[in-house]
């Protein structure tokens, strides 16, 4: 028996072993990504570091079902001493009308507000101004996607608001994540 038949036999054993491992993995763990549980909203918030291509923001523990409302709230604090933070709140309502109604006061804490429509979800609106509680800058972007209402609040130093293109890009990615979650 020469070397070639031994190589073929070893190769077949290795390939067969690999297929067996895949078959076991598919049987035990399933193929593809695991779907989130229906009330697990922890996968919904989009990490702002995906936009900045850095690790500038760190996440606080997520608040699942904030104030007893189905959904999630996520707060990201910038590494430069917490002078910048982003808070994303995603709430799930029984109907699209209730989701829309919930956003009526989304930017109530913005002084000297300047409002503009943005191409995000349904009713996407960006409101920029200053904080009612101090000299900081505030930008709030709100939108709905079906029965889901979302607000993303950007708090920063005075006279240094979040750039509108960054705000819009993060909101668009958030809208996409919500649509993916909804299966739209």
N, C-alpha and C. Protein backbone atom coordinates (compact mmCIF):
# COMPACT_ATOMS: atom_id res chain seq x y z
N UNK A 1 0.85 -1.16 0.00
CA UNK A 1 0.00 0.00 0.00
C UNK A 1 0.90 1.22 0.00
N UNK A 2 0.68 2.12 -0.96
CA UNK A 2 1.50 3.31 -1.06
C UNK A 2 1.00 4.41 -0.15
N UNK A 3 1.63 5.57 -0.27
CA UNK A 3 1.31 6.74 0.56
C UNK A 3 -0.02 7.36 0.14
N UNK A 4 -0.32 7.38 -1.16
CA UNK A 4 -1.53 8.03 -1.65
C UNK A 4 -2.80 7.44 -1.05
N UNK A 5 -2.99 6.12 -1.02
CA UNK A 5 -4.21 5.58 -0.41
C UNK A 5 -4.32 5.97 1.07
N UNK A 6 -3.20 6.06 1.78
CA UNK A 6 -3.25 6.45 3.20
C UNK A 6 -3.68 7.91 3.33
N UNK A 7 -3.19 8.76 2.42
CA UNK A 7 -3.58 10.17 2.47
C UNK A 7 -5.07 10.32 2.19
N UNK A 8 -5.56 9.56 1.19
CA UNK A 8 -6.98 9.63 0.88
C UNK A 8 -7.83 9.17 2.06
N UNK A 9 -7.42 8.10 2.69
CA UNK A 9 -8.19 7.57 3.81
C UNK A 9 -8.19 8.57 4.96
N UNK A 10 -7.03 9.20 5.27
CA UNK A 10 -6.97 10.20 6.34
C UNK A 10 -7.80 11.43 5.98
N UNK A 11 -7.75 11.84 4.71
CA UNK A 11 -8.52 13.01 4.29
C UNK A 11 -10.01 12.72 4.41
N UNK A 12 -10.42 11.52 3.99
CA UNK A 12 -11.84 11.16 4.10
C UNK A 12 -12.28 11.13 5.55
N UNK A 13 -11.43 10.63 6.42
CA UNK A 13 -11.75 10.59 7.84
C UNK A 13 -11.91 12.01 8.39
N UNK A 14 -11.01 12.92 7.97
CA UNK A 14 -11.09 14.31 8.46
C UNK A 14 -12.34 14.99 7.93
N UNK A 15 -12.63 14.82 6.63
CA UNK A 15 -13.81 15.44 6.05
C UNK A 15 -15.07 14.85 6.68
N UNK A 16 -15.09 13.55 6.84
CA UNK A 16 -16.24 12.90 7.47
C UNK A 16 -16.44 13.39 8.89
N UNK A 17 -15.33 13.57 9.62
CA UNK A 17 -15.42 14.10 10.99
C UNK A 17 -15.96 15.51 11.01
N UNK A 18 -15.55 16.32 10.03
CA UNK A 18 -16.05 17.70 9.96
C UNK A 18 -17.55 17.71 9.70
N UNK A 19 -18.01 16.87 8.75
CA UNK A 19 -19.44 16.81 8.48
C UNK A 19 -20.21 16.31 9.70
N UNK A 20 -19.66 15.36 10.41
CA UNK A 20 -20.32 14.85 11.61
C UNK A 20 -20.44 15.96 12.66
N UNK A 21 -19.39 16.76 12.81
CA UNK A 21 -19.42 17.86 13.78
C UNK A 21 -20.49 18.87 13.41
N UNK A 22 -20.61 19.18 12.12
CA UNK A 22 -21.64 20.12 11.66
C UNK A 22 -23.03 19.53 11.92
N UNK A 23 -23.19 18.25 11.65
CA UNK A 23 -24.49 17.61 11.86
C UNK A 23 -24.88 17.64 13.33
N UNK A 24 -23.93 17.37 14.21
CA UNK A 24 -24.20 17.42 15.65
C UNK A 24 -24.56 18.84 16.07
N UNK A 25 -23.80 19.82 15.59
CA UNK A 25 -24.07 21.22 15.93
C UNK A 25 -25.45 21.63 15.45
N UNK A 26 -25.82 21.21 14.24
CA UNK A 26 -27.12 21.58 13.70
C UNK A 26 -28.24 20.92 14.50
N UNK A 27 -28.01 19.68 14.95
CA UNK A 27 -29.03 18.97 15.70
C UNK A 27 -29.18 19.54 17.10
N UNK A 28 -28.07 19.79 17.76
CA UNK A 28 -28.09 20.26 19.14
C UNK A 28 -28.39 21.75 19.22
N UNK A 29 -27.65 22.56 18.48
CA UNK A 29 -27.79 24.01 18.62
C UNK A 29 -28.59 24.67 17.53
N UNK A 30 -28.86 23.99 16.45
CA UNK A 30 -29.57 24.61 15.34
C UNK A 30 -28.62 25.42 14.49
N UNK A 31 -29.02 25.68 13.27
CA UNK A 31 -28.22 26.50 12.38
C UNK A 31 -28.75 27.91 12.38
N UNK A 32 -27.92 28.87 12.07
CA UNK A 32 -28.35 30.26 12.02
C UNK A 32 -28.27 30.90 13.38
N UNK A 33 -28.69 32.17 13.44
CA UNK A 33 -28.63 32.88 14.71
C UNK A 33 -29.89 32.62 15.51
N UNK A 34 -29.74 32.63 16.80
CA UNK A 34 -30.87 32.40 17.68
C UNK A 34 -31.75 33.63 17.72
N UNK A 35 -33.03 33.45 17.65
CA UNK A 35 -33.96 34.57 17.73
C UNK A 35 -34.12 35.00 19.18
N UNK A 36 -34.28 36.29 19.40
CA UNK A 36 -34.47 36.81 20.74
C UNK A 36 -35.86 36.39 21.24
N UNK A 37 -36.00 36.28 22.54
CA UNK A 37 -37.28 35.98 23.13
C UNK A 37 -38.23 37.16 22.88
N UNK A 38 -39.54 36.93 22.81
CA UNK A 38 -40.48 37.99 22.47
C UNK A 38 -40.38 39.22 23.37
N UNK A 39 -40.10 39.06 24.64
CA UNK A 39 -40.02 40.20 25.56
C UNK A 39 -38.58 40.57 25.89
N UNK A 40 -37.63 40.09 25.12
CA UNK A 40 -36.22 40.45 25.33
C UNK A 40 -35.88 41.59 24.38
N UNK A 41 -35.86 42.79 24.92
CA UNK A 41 -35.61 43.98 24.11
C UNK A 41 -34.16 44.42 24.18
N UNK A 42 -33.31 43.65 24.84
CA UNK A 42 -31.92 44.05 25.06
C UNK A 42 -31.11 44.13 23.78
N UNK A 43 -31.58 43.48 22.71
CA UNK A 43 -30.85 43.52 21.44
C UNK A 43 -31.27 44.69 20.56
N UNK A 44 -32.29 45.45 20.98
CA UNK A 44 -32.79 46.53 20.14
C UNK A 44 -31.90 47.77 20.07
N UNK A 45 -31.37 48.28 21.19
CA UNK A 45 -30.59 49.53 21.09
C UNK A 45 -29.34 49.36 20.23
N UNK A 46 -29.09 50.36 19.39
CA UNK A 46 -27.89 50.37 18.54
C UNK A 46 -26.79 51.10 19.29
N UNK A 47 -25.65 50.45 19.42
CA UNK A 47 -24.49 51.03 20.11
C UNK A 47 -23.91 52.17 19.27
N UNK A 48 -23.79 53.38 19.83
CA UNK A 48 -23.25 54.51 19.06
C UNK A 48 -21.82 54.30 18.59
N UNK A 49 -21.10 53.38 19.21
CA UNK A 49 -19.73 53.10 18.77
C UNK A 49 -19.70 52.53 17.36
N UNK A 50 -20.82 51.96 16.90
CA UNK A 50 -20.88 51.45 15.53
C UNK A 50 -20.82 52.60 14.53
N UNK A 51 -21.28 53.77 14.93
CA UNK A 51 -21.27 54.94 14.05
C UNK A 51 -19.92 55.65 14.12
N UNK A 52 -19.39 55.77 15.33
CA UNK A 52 -18.13 56.50 15.52
C UNK A 52 -16.92 55.65 15.20
N UNK A 53 -17.12 54.33 15.03
CA UNK A 53 -16.02 53.41 14.75
C UNK A 53 -14.93 53.53 15.82
N UNK A 54 -15.39 53.59 17.06
CA UNK A 54 -14.46 53.70 18.19
C UNK A 54 -15.08 53.01 19.39
N UNK A 55 -14.45 53.15 20.50
CA UNK A 55 -15.00 52.67 21.77
C UNK A 55 -15.18 53.86 22.70
N UNK A 56 -15.61 54.98 22.15
CA UNK A 56 -15.74 56.22 22.91
C UNK A 56 -16.86 56.17 23.94
N UNK A 57 -17.89 55.36 23.68
CA UNK A 57 -19.04 55.30 24.57
C UNK A 57 -19.08 53.96 25.31
N UNK A 58 -19.44 54.02 26.58
CA UNK A 58 -19.66 52.79 27.34
C UNK A 58 -21.12 52.77 27.78
N UNK A 59 -21.69 51.59 27.80
CA UNK A 59 -23.11 51.44 28.10
C UNK A 59 -23.32 51.19 29.59
N UNK A 60 -24.31 51.87 30.15
CA UNK A 60 -24.79 51.53 31.48
C UNK A 60 -25.65 50.28 31.32
N UNK A 61 -25.97 49.60 32.42
CA UNK A 61 -26.90 48.46 32.30
C UNK A 61 -28.23 48.93 31.71
N UNK A 62 -28.77 48.15 30.78
CA UNK A 62 -30.02 48.52 30.13
C UNK A 62 -31.18 48.41 31.13
N UNK A 63 -32.16 49.27 30.96
CA UNK A 63 -33.37 49.26 31.76
C UNK A 63 -34.46 48.60 30.90
N UNK A 64 -34.76 47.35 31.21
CA UNK A 64 -35.78 46.62 30.47
C UNK A 64 -37.15 46.97 31.06
N UNK A 65 -38.10 47.26 30.21
CA UNK A 65 -39.44 47.68 30.60
C UNK A 65 -39.39 48.89 31.54
N UNK A 66 -38.83 50.02 31.06
CA UNK A 66 -38.70 51.21 31.91
C UNK A 66 -40.07 51.73 32.37
N UNK A 67 -40.16 52.02 33.65
CA UNK A 67 -41.41 52.51 34.26
C UNK A 67 -42.59 51.59 33.97
N UNK A 68 -42.33 50.30 33.85
CA UNK A 68 -43.40 49.32 33.63
C UNK A 68 -43.92 49.27 32.20
N UNK A 69 -43.34 50.03 31.31
CA UNK A 69 -43.75 50.05 29.89
C UNK A 69 -42.89 49.07 29.10
N UNK A 70 -43.51 48.25 28.25
CA UNK A 70 -42.74 47.31 27.43
C UNK A 70 -41.71 48.06 26.62
N UNK A 71 -40.46 47.60 26.67
CA UNK A 71 -39.40 48.22 25.88
C UNK A 71 -38.08 48.20 26.61
N UNK A 72 -37.20 49.14 26.22
CA UNK A 72 -35.85 49.19 26.78
C UNK A 72 -35.34 50.62 26.72
N UNK A 73 -34.53 50.97 27.71
CA UNK A 73 -33.84 52.25 27.70
C UNK A 73 -32.35 51.97 27.88
N UNK A 74 -31.54 52.58 27.05
CA UNK A 74 -30.09 52.36 27.08
C UNK A 74 -29.38 53.70 27.16
N UNK A 75 -28.43 53.81 28.08
CA UNK A 75 -27.67 55.06 28.25
C UNK A 75 -26.20 54.76 27.97
N UNK A 76 -25.62 55.57 27.09
CA UNK A 76 -24.22 55.45 26.71
C UNK A 76 -23.51 56.73 27.14
N UNK A 77 -22.41 56.58 27.87
CA UNK A 77 -21.66 57.73 28.38
C UNK A 77 -20.31 57.80 27.67
N UNK A 78 -19.94 59.00 27.24
CA UNK A 78 -18.68 59.21 26.54
C UNK A 78 -17.52 59.14 27.53
N UNK A 79 -16.40 58.64 27.08
CA UNK A 79 -15.23 58.44 27.94
C UNK A 79 -14.59 59.73 28.43
N UNK A 80 -14.90 60.86 27.81
CA UNK A 80 -14.25 62.10 28.20
C UNK A 80 -14.89 62.73 29.44
N UNK A 81 -15.09 61.94 30.45
CA UNK A 81 -15.59 62.45 31.72
C UNK A 81 -17.10 62.59 31.80
N UNK A 82 -17.81 61.97 30.90
CA UNK A 82 -19.26 61.99 30.98
C UNK A 82 -19.91 63.28 30.53
N UNK A 83 -19.17 64.13 29.81
CA UNK A 83 -19.77 65.38 29.34
C UNK A 83 -20.73 65.15 28.20
N UNK A 84 -20.66 63.98 27.59
CA UNK A 84 -21.59 63.62 26.51
C UNK A 84 -22.25 62.29 26.86
N UNK A 85 -23.53 62.22 26.61
CA UNK A 85 -24.22 60.94 26.77
C UNK A 85 -25.36 60.84 25.78
N UNK A 86 -25.69 59.61 25.45
CA UNK A 86 -26.77 59.31 24.52
C UNK A 86 -27.71 58.35 25.23
N UNK A 87 -28.99 58.69 25.26
CA UNK A 87 -29.99 57.81 25.87
C UNK A 87 -31.01 57.44 24.82
N UNK A 88 -31.10 56.15 24.55
CA UNK A 88 -32.07 55.63 23.58
C UNK A 88 -33.19 54.95 24.36
N UNK A 89 -34.42 55.36 24.09
CA UNK A 89 -35.58 54.73 24.73
C UNK A 89 -36.50 54.21 23.63
N UNK A 90 -36.77 52.91 23.69
CA UNK A 90 -37.60 52.24 22.70
C UNK A 90 -38.77 51.62 23.45
N UNK A 91 -39.99 52.06 23.14
CA UNK A 91 -41.18 51.57 23.83
C UNK A 91 -42.13 50.91 22.85
N UNK A 92 -42.71 49.79 23.27
CA UNK A 92 -43.62 49.02 22.43
C UNK A 92 -45.04 49.22 22.95
N UNK A 93 -45.94 49.63 22.07
CA UNK A 93 -47.33 49.91 22.42
C UNK A 93 -48.26 48.94 21.71
N UNK A 94 -49.52 48.85 22.17
CA UNK A 94 -50.47 47.97 21.49
C UNK A 94 -50.80 48.41 20.06
N UNK A 95 -50.68 49.73 19.79
CA UNK A 95 -51.04 50.21 18.45
C UNK A 95 -50.10 51.31 17.99
N UNK A 96 -50.08 51.54 16.68
CA UNK A 96 -49.26 52.62 16.11
C UNK A 96 -49.73 53.98 16.60
N UNK A 97 -51.04 54.15 16.77
CA UNK A 97 -51.58 55.42 17.26
C UNK A 97 -51.08 55.75 18.65
N UNK A 98 -51.03 54.74 19.52
CA UNK A 98 -50.52 54.96 20.88
C UNK A 98 -49.03 55.29 20.85
N UNK A 99 -48.30 54.65 19.96
CA UNK A 99 -46.86 54.94 19.84
C UNK A 99 -46.66 56.39 19.42
N UNK A 100 -47.42 56.83 18.43
CA UNK A 100 -47.32 58.22 17.96
C UNK A 100 -47.69 59.19 19.08
N UNK A 101 -48.78 58.92 19.78
CA UNK A 101 -49.22 59.78 20.87
C UNK A 101 -48.21 59.89 22.00
N UNK A 102 -47.44 58.83 22.22
CA UNK A 102 -46.47 58.83 23.32
C UNK A 102 -45.32 59.80 23.08
N UNK A 103 -45.10 60.20 21.83
CA UNK A 103 -43.97 61.08 21.52
C UNK A 103 -44.31 62.57 21.63
N UNK A 104 -45.55 62.88 22.01
CA UNK A 104 -45.98 64.28 22.07
C UNK A 104 -45.06 65.14 22.93
N UNK A 105 -44.56 64.64 24.02
CA UNK A 105 -43.71 65.44 24.90
C UNK A 105 -42.25 65.01 24.88
N UNK A 106 -41.83 64.35 23.80
CA UNK A 106 -40.48 63.79 23.74
C UNK A 106 -39.38 64.83 23.93
N UNK A 107 -39.61 66.04 23.44
CA UNK A 107 -38.58 67.09 23.53
C UNK A 107 -38.99 68.20 24.50
N UNK A 108 -39.83 67.87 25.48
CA UNK A 108 -40.34 68.87 26.41
C UNK A 108 -39.25 69.51 27.26
N UNK A 109 -38.14 68.82 27.47
CA UNK A 109 -37.06 69.35 28.30
C UNK A 109 -36.02 70.13 27.51
N UNK A 110 -36.33 70.50 26.28
CA UNK A 110 -35.38 71.24 25.45
C UNK A 110 -35.79 72.72 25.45
N UNK A 111 -34.89 73.57 25.94
CA UNK A 111 -35.13 75.02 25.92
C UNK A 111 -34.64 75.58 24.60
N UNK A 112 -35.24 76.66 24.16
CA UNK A 112 -34.87 77.30 22.89
C UNK A 112 -34.86 76.28 21.74
N UNK A 113 -35.94 75.52 21.59
CA UNK A 113 -35.93 74.42 20.61
C UNK A 113 -35.95 74.89 19.16
N UNK A 114 -35.18 74.17 18.35
CA UNK A 114 -35.21 74.32 16.90
C UNK A 114 -35.55 72.93 16.36
N UNK A 115 -36.65 72.83 15.63
CA UNK A 115 -37.16 71.54 15.17
C UNK A 115 -36.98 71.39 13.67
N UNK A 116 -36.71 70.14 13.25
CA UNK A 116 -36.58 69.85 11.82
C UNK A 116 -37.01 68.40 11.57
N UNK A 117 -37.67 68.15 10.43
CA UNK A 117 -38.00 66.77 10.08
C UNK A 117 -36.74 66.03 9.66
N UNK A 118 -36.72 64.72 9.91
CA UNK A 118 -35.59 63.88 9.49
C UNK A 118 -36.13 62.63 8.82
N UNK A 119 -35.38 62.08 7.86
CA UNK A 119 -35.84 60.89 7.14
C UNK A 119 -35.60 59.60 7.93
N UNK A 120 -36.35 59.46 9.03
CA UNK A 120 -36.23 58.28 9.89
C UNK A 120 -37.63 57.83 10.29
N UNK A 121 -37.95 56.57 10.05
CA UNK A 121 -39.23 56.02 10.47
C UNK A 121 -40.40 56.86 10.02
N UNK A 122 -41.44 56.88 10.85
CA UNK A 122 -42.62 57.70 10.60
C UNK A 122 -42.57 58.89 11.56
N UNK A 123 -42.74 60.08 11.02
CA UNK A 123 -42.75 61.28 11.86
C UNK A 123 -41.41 61.64 12.46
N UNK A 124 -40.32 61.23 11.83
CA UNK A 124 -38.99 61.53 12.36
C UNK A 124 -38.79 63.02 12.55
N UNK A 125 -38.45 63.42 13.78
CA UNK A 125 -38.27 64.83 14.11
C UNK A 125 -37.04 64.99 14.99
N UNK A 126 -36.22 66.00 14.66
CA UNK A 126 -35.05 66.32 15.47
C UNK A 126 -35.28 67.70 16.09
N UNK A 127 -35.12 67.77 17.41
CA UNK A 127 -35.26 69.03 18.14
C UNK A 127 -33.95 69.28 18.85
N UNK A 128 -33.34 70.44 18.58
CA UNK A 128 -32.07 70.81 19.21
C UNK A 128 -32.26 72.09 20.01
N UNK A 129 -31.49 72.20 21.08
CA UNK A 129 -31.54 73.40 21.91
C UNK A 129 -30.62 73.24 23.10
N UNK A 130 -31.04 73.81 24.21
CA UNK A 130 -30.25 73.72 25.43
C UNK A 130 -31.06 73.00 26.49
N UNK A 131 -30.37 72.54 27.51
CA UNK A 131 -31.01 71.81 28.59
C UNK A 131 -31.80 72.76 29.49
N UNK A 132 -32.98 72.35 29.89
CA UNK A 132 -33.79 73.14 30.83
C UNK A 132 -33.09 73.22 32.19
N UNK A 133 -32.35 72.17 32.53
CA UNK A 133 -31.73 72.09 33.85
C UNK A 133 -30.32 72.65 33.92
N UNK A 134 -29.81 73.23 32.87
CA UNK A 134 -28.45 73.73 32.91
C UNK A 134 -27.99 74.22 31.56
N UNK A 135 -26.71 74.50 31.47
CA UNK A 135 -26.20 75.13 30.25
C UNK A 135 -25.87 74.18 29.11
N UNK A 136 -26.09 72.89 29.27
CA UNK A 136 -25.69 71.92 28.26
C UNK A 136 -26.53 71.96 27.00
N UNK A 137 -26.00 71.35 25.94
CA UNK A 137 -26.73 71.21 24.68
C UNK A 137 -27.55 69.93 24.72
N UNK A 138 -28.69 69.95 24.03
CA UNK A 138 -29.57 68.78 23.97
C UNK A 138 -30.11 68.66 22.55
N UNK A 139 -30.08 67.45 22.03
CA UNK A 139 -30.73 67.13 20.76
C UNK A 139 -31.57 65.88 21.00
N UNK A 140 -32.83 65.92 20.60
CA UNK A 140 -33.72 64.77 20.75
C UNK A 140 -34.26 64.42 19.37
N UNK A 141 -34.07 63.17 18.97
CA UNK A 141 -34.64 62.68 17.72
C UNK A 141 -35.70 61.65 18.09
N UNK A 142 -36.90 61.81 17.57
CA UNK A 142 -37.98 60.87 17.87
C UNK A 142 -38.63 60.40 16.58
N UNK A 143 -39.12 59.16 16.60
CA UNK A 143 -39.82 58.59 15.45
C UNK A 143 -40.59 57.37 15.90
N UNK A 144 -41.49 56.92 15.06
CA UNK A 144 -42.18 55.66 15.31
C UNK A 144 -41.93 54.71 14.14
N UNK A 145 -42.08 53.45 14.44
CA UNK A 145 -42.03 52.39 13.42
C UNK A 145 -43.12 51.41 13.82
N UNK A 146 -44.29 51.55 13.19
CA UNK A 146 -45.43 50.73 13.59
C UNK A 146 -45.84 51.08 15.01
N UNK A 147 -45.91 50.07 15.88
CA UNK A 147 -46.31 50.30 17.27
C UNK A 147 -45.13 50.57 18.20
N UNK A 148 -43.98 50.91 17.65
CA UNK A 148 -42.77 51.16 18.44
C UNK A 148 -42.43 52.65 18.38
N UNK A 149 -42.30 53.27 19.56
CA UNK A 149 -41.91 54.68 19.65
C UNK A 149 -40.47 54.75 20.15
N UNK A 150 -39.67 55.59 19.51
CA UNK A 150 -38.25 55.70 19.87
C UNK A 150 -37.86 57.16 20.05
N UNK A 151 -37.12 57.41 21.13
CA UNK A 151 -36.47 58.71 21.32
C UNK A 151 -35.00 58.46 21.57
N UNK A 152 -34.18 59.27 20.94
CA UNK A 152 -32.73 59.21 21.16
C UNK A 152 -32.32 60.61 21.58
N UNK A 153 -31.84 60.73 22.81
CA UNK A 153 -31.45 62.04 23.35
C UNK A 153 -29.94 62.13 23.45
N UNK A 154 -29.39 63.21 22.92
CA UNK A 154 -27.96 63.48 22.93
C UNK A 154 -27.73 64.67 23.85
N UNK A 155 -27.02 64.47 24.94
CA UNK A 155 -26.69 65.55 25.86
C UNK A 155 -25.20 65.83 25.75
N UNK A 156 -24.83 67.12 25.69
CA UNK A 156 -23.43 67.48 25.54
C UNK A 156 -23.10 68.80 26.20
N UNK A 157 -21.86 69.23 26.03
CA UNK A 157 -21.42 70.49 26.61
C UNK A 157 -22.15 71.68 25.96
N UNK A 158 -22.15 72.82 26.65
CA UNK A 158 -22.77 74.01 26.07
C UNK A 158 -22.12 74.36 24.73
N UNK A 159 -22.91 74.86 23.83
CA UNK A 159 -22.44 75.33 22.51
C UNK A 159 -21.72 74.25 21.70
N UNK A 160 -21.97 72.98 22.00
CA UNK A 160 -21.34 71.89 21.25
C UNK A 160 -22.35 70.75 21.08
N UNK A 161 -23.44 71.00 20.35
CA UNK A 161 -24.45 69.95 20.19
C UNK A 161 -23.94 68.80 19.33
N UNK A 162 -24.62 67.69 19.42
CA UNK A 162 -24.28 66.53 18.59
C UNK A 162 -24.47 66.92 17.12
N UNK A 163 -23.55 66.51 16.25
CA UNK A 163 -23.68 66.82 14.82
C UNK A 163 -24.95 66.18 14.24
N UNK A 164 -25.74 66.94 13.50
CA UNK A 164 -27.00 66.41 12.93
C UNK A 164 -26.81 65.15 12.09
N UNK A 165 -25.70 65.04 11.34
CA UNK A 165 -25.51 63.84 10.52
C UNK A 165 -25.27 62.61 11.39
N UNK A 166 -24.58 62.77 12.52
CA UNK A 166 -24.36 61.67 13.46
C UNK A 166 -25.69 61.26 14.09
N UNK A 167 -26.47 62.24 14.51
CA UNK A 167 -27.77 61.99 15.13
C UNK A 167 -28.66 61.22 14.15
N UNK A 168 -28.72 61.68 12.92
CA UNK A 168 -29.57 61.05 11.90
C UNK A 168 -29.09 59.64 11.57
N UNK A 169 -27.79 59.47 11.42
CA UNK A 169 -27.26 58.14 11.08
C UNK A 169 -27.55 57.12 12.18
N UNK A 170 -27.36 57.52 13.44
CA UNK A 170 -27.66 56.60 14.54
C UNK A 170 -29.15 56.26 14.55
N UNK A 171 -30.00 57.25 14.34
CA UNK A 171 -31.44 57.01 14.32
C UNK A 171 -31.84 56.10 13.16
N UNK A 172 -31.24 56.27 12.00
CA UNK A 172 -31.55 55.41 10.86
C UNK A 172 -31.15 53.96 11.14
N UNK A 173 -29.99 53.77 11.76
CA UNK A 173 -29.57 52.41 12.12
C UNK A 173 -30.50 51.83 13.18
N UNK A 174 -30.96 52.70 14.10
CA UNK A 174 -31.90 52.24 15.12
C UNK A 174 -33.22 51.83 14.47
N UNK A 175 -33.69 52.59 13.52
CA UNK A 175 -34.92 52.27 12.81
C UNK A 175 -34.78 50.92 12.09
N UNK A 176 -33.63 50.70 11.47
CA UNK A 176 -33.38 49.42 10.79
C UNK A 176 -33.41 48.26 11.78
N UNK A 177 -32.80 48.45 12.95
CA UNK A 177 -32.80 47.39 13.97
C UNK A 177 -34.22 47.08 14.43
N UNK A 178 -35.04 48.10 14.57
CA UNK A 178 -36.43 47.89 14.98
C UNK A 178 -37.19 47.14 13.89
N UNK A 179 -37.02 47.54 12.63
CA UNK A 179 -37.68 46.84 11.52
C UNK A 179 -37.25 45.38 11.47
N UNK A 180 -35.95 45.13 11.66
CA UNK A 180 -35.46 43.75 11.66
C UNK A 180 -36.12 42.96 12.78
N UNK A 181 -36.23 43.57 13.96
CA UNK A 181 -36.86 42.92 15.11
C UNK A 181 -38.33 42.63 14.83
N UNK A 182 -38.99 43.56 14.15
CA UNK A 182 -40.41 43.38 13.81
C UNK A 182 -40.61 42.40 12.67
N UNK A 183 -39.53 42.10 11.95
CA UNK A 183 -39.64 41.21 10.80
C UNK A 183 -40.20 41.91 9.58
N UNK A 184 -40.02 43.24 9.52
CA UNK A 184 -40.54 44.03 8.39
C UNK A 184 -39.57 43.95 7.24
